[in-house]
C-alpha atoms as a PDB file:
ATOM      1  CA  MET A   1      -3.263 -17.053  -4.353  1.00  0.00           C
ATOM      2  CA  THR A   2      -6.301 -15.798  -6.206  1.00  0.00           C
ATOM      3  CA  GLY A   3      -7.937 -13.383  -3.824  1.00  0.00           C
ATOM      4  CA  VAL A   4      -8.912  -9.476  -5.448  1.00  0.00           C
ATOM      5  CA  ILE A   5      -8.601  -5.979  -4.134  1.00  0.00           C
ATOM      6  CA  ARG A   6     -11.274  -3.144  -4.648  1.00  0.00           C
ATOM      7  CA  LEU A   7     -10.558   0.320  -3.819  1.00  0.00           C
ATOM      8  CA  ASN A   8     -12.557   2.733  -5.411  1.00  0.00           C
ATOM      9  CA  GLU A   9     -11.640   6.101  -7.633  1.00  0.00           C
ATOM     10  CA  GLN A  10     -11.503   7.934  -5.005  1.00  0.00           C
ATOM     11  CA  GLN A  11      -8.996   6.623  -2.510  1.00  0.00           C
ATOM     12  CA  PHE A  12      -7.345   4.620  -6.270  1.00  0.00           C
ATOM     13  CA  LYS A  13      -6.916   8.830  -7.084  1.00  0.00           C
ATOM     14  CA  LYS A  14      -5.837   9.942  -3.380  1.00  0.00           C
ATOM     15  CA  ILE A  15      -2.899   6.902  -3.501  1.00  0.00           C
ATOM     16  CA  GLN A  16      -1.897   8.280  -7.327  1.00  0.00           C
ATOM     17  CA  ALA A  17      -1.828  12.557  -5.586  1.00  0.00           C
ATOM     18  CA  ALA A  18       0.226  11.461  -1.891  1.00  0.00           C
ATOM     19  CA  ALA A  19       2.931   9.591  -4.943  1.00  0.00           C
ATOM     20  CA  GLU A  20       3.083  12.370  -7.045  1.00  0.00           C
ATOM     21  CA  ALA A  21       3.196  14.760  -4.807  1.00  0.00           C
ATOM     22  CA  ASP A  22       5.648  13.241  -2.955  1.00  0.00           C
ATOM     23  CA  TYR A  23       8.367  12.972  -5.911  1.00  0.00           C
ATOM     24  CA  PRO A  24      11.093  12.543  -5.983  1.00  0.00           C
ATOM     25  CA  ALA A  25      10.796  10.657  -2.442  1.00  0.00           C
ATOM     26  CA  GLU A  26       8.317   7.872  -2.093  1.00  0.00           C
ATOM     27  CA  CYS A  27       4.998   8.349  -0.193  1.00  0.00           C
ATOM     28  CA  CYS A  28       3.800   5.621   1.973  1.00  0.00           C
ATOM     29  CA  GLY A  29       0.179   5.090   3.661  1.00  0.00           C
ATOM     30  CA  LEU A  30      -1.880   2.334   4.845  1.00  0.00           C
ATOM     31  CA  LEU A  31      -4.776   0.739   4.275  1.00  0.00           C
ATOM     32  CA  VAL A  32      -7.865   0.071   5.918  1.00  0.00           C
ATOM     33  CA  GLY A  33     -11.170  -1.894   5.094  1.00  0.00           C
ATOM     34  CA  LEU A  34     -12.606  -5.734   5.257  1.00  0.00           C
ATOM     35  CA  ILE A  35     -11.493  -9.157   3.941  1.00  0.00           C
ATOM     36  CA  GLU A  36     -13.460 -11.859   3.556  1.00  0.00           C
ATOM     37  CA  ALA A  37     -13.477 -14.879   1.379  1.00  0.00           C
ATOM     38  CA  GLY A  38      -9.860 -14.125   0.160  1.00  0.00           C
ATOM     39  CA  ASN A  39     -10.314 -10.928  -1.125  1.00  0.00           C
ATOM     40  CA  TYR A  40      -9.882  -7.601   0.657  1.00  0.00           C
ATOM     41  CA  MET A  41     -12.047  -4.417   0.254  1.00  0.00           C
ATOM     42  CA  VAL A  42     -10.233  -1.367   1.069  1.00  0.00           C
ATOM     43  CA  THR A  43     -12.949   1.187   3.154  1.00  0.00           C
ATOM     44  CA  ARG A  44      -9.997   4.226   3.188  1.00  0.00           C
ATOM     45  CA  VAL A  45      -7.282   4.798   3.117  1.00  0.00           C
ATOM     46  CA  VAL A  46      -5.138   6.580   5.087  1.00  0.00           C
ATOM     47  CA  PRO A  47      -2.009   8.373   4.538  1.00  0.00           C
ATOM     48  CA  SER A  48       0.925   8.590   7.034  1.00  0.00           C
ATOM     49  CA  LEU A  49       4.562  10.741   7.033  1.00  0.00           C
ATOM     50  CA  ASN A  50       7.635   9.094   6.053  1.00  0.00           C
ATOM     51  CA  ILE A  51       9.678   8.714   8.348  1.00  0.00           C
ATOM     52  CA  LYS A  52      12.815   7.701   6.350  1.00  0.00           C
ATOM     53  CA  ALA A  53      13.405  11.298   5.382  1.00  0.00           C
ATOM     54  CA  GLU A  54      16.651  11.027   4.561  1.00  0.00           C
ATOM     55  CA  GLN A  55      16.388   7.700   2.549  1.00  0.00           C
ATOM     56  CA  ALA A  56      13.024   8.537   0.872  1.00  0.00           C
ATOM     57  CA  LYS A  57      14.276   8.662  -2.076  1.00  0.00           C
ATOM     58  CA  ASP A  58      14.076   4.429  -2.481  1.00  0.00           C
ATOM     59  CA  ARG A  59      12.886   4.118   1.079  1.00  0.00           C
ATOM     60  CA  PHE A  60      10.164   4.366   3.241  1.00  0.00           C
ATOM     61  CA  GLU A  61       8.458   3.971   6.628  1.00  0.00           C
ATOM     62  CA  ILE A  62       4.806   4.359   7.604  1.00  0.00           C
ATOM     63  CA  ASP A  63       5.214   6.761  10.856  1.00  0.00           C
ATOM     64  CA  PRO A  64       4.478   4.222  14.332  1.00  0.00           C
ATOM     65  CA  GLN A  65       2.529   6.626  15.428  1.00  0.00           C
ATOM     66  CA  THR A  66      -0.123   6.708  12.296  1.00  0.00           C
ATOM     67  CA  HIS A  67       0.100   3.088  12.962  1.00  0.00           C
ATOM     68  CA  ILE A  68      -0.653   3.757  16.253  1.00  0.00           C
ATOM     69  CA  ASP A  69      -3.425   5.624  16.295  1.00  0.00           C
ATOM     70  CA  LEU A  70      -5.370   3.766  13.481  1.00  0.00           C
ATOM     71  CA  GLU A  71      -5.068   0.260  15.204  1.00  0.00           C
ATOM     72  CA  ARG A  72      -6.749   1.857  18.792  1.00  0.00           C
ATOM     73  CA  GLU A  73      -9.772   4.265  16.403  1.00  0.00           C
ATOM     74  CA  LEU A  74      -9.961   0.686  14.833  1.00  0.00           C
ATOM     75  CA  ARG A  75     -10.450  -1.659  18.282  1.00  0.00           C
ATOM     76  CA  GLY A  76     -14.136  -2.925  18.339  1.00  0.00           C
ATOM     77  CA  ALA A  77     -14.540  -1.886  14.937  1.00  0.00           C
ATOM     78  CA  SER A  78     -15.035  -4.936  11.023  1.00  0.00           C
ATOM     79  CA  ASP A  79     -12.443  -2.423   9.823  1.00  0.00           C
ATOM     80  CA  GLN A  80      -8.881  -3.465  10.063  1.00  0.00           C
ATOM     81  CA  ILE A  81      -5.546  -2.583   8.341  1.00  0.00           C
ATOM     82  CA  ILE A  82      -5.472  -5.331   5.298  1.00  0.00           C
ATOM     83  CA  GLY A  83      -1.903  -3.173   4.206  1.00  0.00           C
ATOM     84  CA  HIS A  84       0.261  -0.213   3.211  1.00  0.00           C
ATOM     85  CA  TYR A  85       0.953   1.317   0.031  1.00  0.00           C
ATOM     86  CA  HIS A  86       4.370   3.355  -0.628  1.00  0.00           C
ATOM     87  CA  SER A  87       5.328   4.635  -4.150  1.00  0.00           C
ATOM     88  CA  HIS A  88       8.498   3.419  -6.445  1.00  0.00           C
ATOM     89  CA  PRO A  89       9.630   6.837  -7.485  1.00  0.00           C
ATOM     90  CA  ASP A  90      11.185   5.555 -11.254  1.00  0.00           C
ATOM     91  CA  HIS A  91      10.412   2.345 -11.315  1.00  0.00           C
ATOM     92  CA  PRO A  92       8.247  -0.266 -12.330  1.00  0.00           C
ATOM     93  CA  PRO A  93       5.657  -1.332  -9.466  1.00  0.00           C
ATOM     94  CA  ASN A  94       6.946  -4.161  -8.938  1.00  0.00           C
ATOM     95  CA  PRO A  95       8.214  -4.963  -4.850  1.00  0.00           C
ATOM     96  CA  SER A  96      12.096  -4.642  -4.252  1.00  0.00           C
ATOM     97  CA  GLU A  97      14.383  -6.642  -2.685  1.00  0.00           C
ATOM     98  CA  THR A  98      14.143  -4.288   0.538  1.00  0.00           C
ATOM     99  CA  ASP A  99      10.308  -4.901  -0.262  1.00  0.00           C
ATOM    100  CA  LEU A 100      10.937  -8.667   1.160  1.00  0.00           C
ATOM    101  CA  LYS A 101      13.402  -7.619   3.377  1.00  0.00           C
ATOM    102  CA  MET A 102      10.734  -4.961   6.082  1.00  0.00           C
ATOM    103  CA  ALA A 103       7.276  -7.443   4.711  1.00  0.00           C
ATOM    104  CA  TYR A 104       5.376  -8.571   7.440  1.00  0.00           C
ATOM    105  CA  GLY A 105       2.101 -10.420   8.194  1.00  0.00           C
ATOM    106  CA  PRO A 106       1.785 -12.623   4.866  1.00  0.00           C
ATOM    107  CA  ALA A 107      -2.102 -11.419   4.771  1.00  0.00           C
ATOM    108  CA  LEU A 108      -0.872  -7.838   4.102  1.00  0.00           C
ATOM    109  CA  ILE A 109      -1.983  -5.943   0.450  1.00  0.00           C
ATOM    110  CA  TRP A 110       1.272  -4.746  -0.739  1.00  0.00           C
ATOM    111  CA  LEU A 111      -0.071  -1.294  -3.296  1.00  0.00           C
ATOM    112  CA  ILE A 112       2.953  -0.051  -5.142  1.00  0.00           C
ATOM    113  CA  ALA A 113       2.277   3.118  -7.416  1.00  0.00           C
ATOM    114  CA  SER A 114       4.884   3.574  -9.978  1.00  0.00           C
ATOM    115  CA  VAL A 115       6.174   7.837 -10.979  1.00  0.00           C
ATOM    116  CA  ASN A 116       8.011   8.429 -13.179  1.00  0.00           C
ATOM    117  CA  ASP A 117       9.181  12.018 -13.703  1.00  0.00           C
ATOM    118  CA  GLY A 118       6.539  13.432 -11.227  1.00  0.00           C
ATOM    119  CA  LYS A 119       3.627  11.873 -13.535  1.00  0.00           C
ATOM    120  CA  PHE A 120       1.763   8.488 -11.816  1.00  0.00           C
ATOM    121  CA  ALA A 121       2.606   5.356 -13.919  1.00  0.00           C
ATOM    122  CA  ASP A 122       0.360   2.728 -13.107  1.00  0.00           C
ATOM    123  CA  LEU A 123      -0.758   0.818  -9.525  1.00  0.00           C
ATOM    124  CA  LYS A 124      -0.138  -3.099  -8.495  1.00  0.00           C
ATOM    125  CA  ALA A 125      -0.633  -5.102  -5.678  1.00  0.00           C
ATOM    126  CA  HIS A 126       1.126  -7.384  -4.114  1.00  0.00           C
ATOM    127  CA  GLN A 127       1.366  -9.791  -1.289  1.00  0.00           C
ATOM    128  CA  ILE A 128       3.620 -12.296   0.401  1.00  0.00           C
ATOM    129  CA  ASN A 129       3.298 -16.591  -1.049  1.00  0.00           C
ATOM    130  CA  GLU A 130       3.294 -18.210   2.428  1.00  0.00           C
ATOM    131  CA  THR A 131       4.691 -21.075   1.180  1.00  0.00           C
ATOM    132  CA  THR A 132       7.565 -19.501  -1.448  1.00  0.00           C
ATOM    133  CA  GLN A 133       7.861 -16.157   1.255  1.00  0.00           C
ATOM    134  CA  GLN A 134       7.884 -13.659  -1.911  1.00  0.00           C
ATOM    135  CA  PHE A 135       5.496 -11.641  -3.564  1.00  0.00           C
ATOM    136  CA  GLU A 136       3.163 -12.427  -5.835  1.00  0.00           C
ATOM    137  CA  GLU A 137       0.830 -10.085  -7.338  1.00  0.00           C
ATOM    138  CA  ILE A 138      -2.652 -10.600  -7.041  1.00  0.00           C
ATOM    139  CA  THR A 139      -5.925  -8.048  -8.933  1.00  0.00           C
ATOM    140  CA  LEU A 140      -6.111  -5.214  -8.404  1.00  0.00           C
ATOM    141  CA  SER A 141      -9.576  -3.476  -9.347  1.00  0.00           C
ATOM    142  CA  ILE A 142     -11.144   0.101  -8.905  1.00  0.00           C
ATOM    143  CA  THR A 143     -14.645   0.541  -8.823  1.00  0.00           C
ATOM    144  CA  SER A 144     -16.717   4.222  -9.478  1.00  0.00           C
ATOM    145  CA  ALA A 145     -19.225   3.931  -6.140  1.00  0.00           C
END
């Protein structure tokens, strides 16, 4: 896998702020964008309620209504849902075994934010390798515009 995911500074800060605000629970949301030649360009970050409220310290699930509403909104548009983001409170930004079990759609990007003691620490991008069925880190590029 050699793809790159690009997001701008404002989108990055939105994910960072959500991860800190929801700490010690996991935040989550969807990534809207474009895919071109195996590269991903985020055009919008769409926050979601984590409906795993009772398990939110180490689990997340995007609100199905948020997902459905966004799919409807994107009908006929060039943008599409290209992935999602969530945070790992007090853990590294690497996919967990639970993340792997919950993964669907190998083309989707997984952005994971690490938050330690309520402060953002790191953000990494991952994607499922269709051959190995394991996550692989992909390049994350944060642009100024």
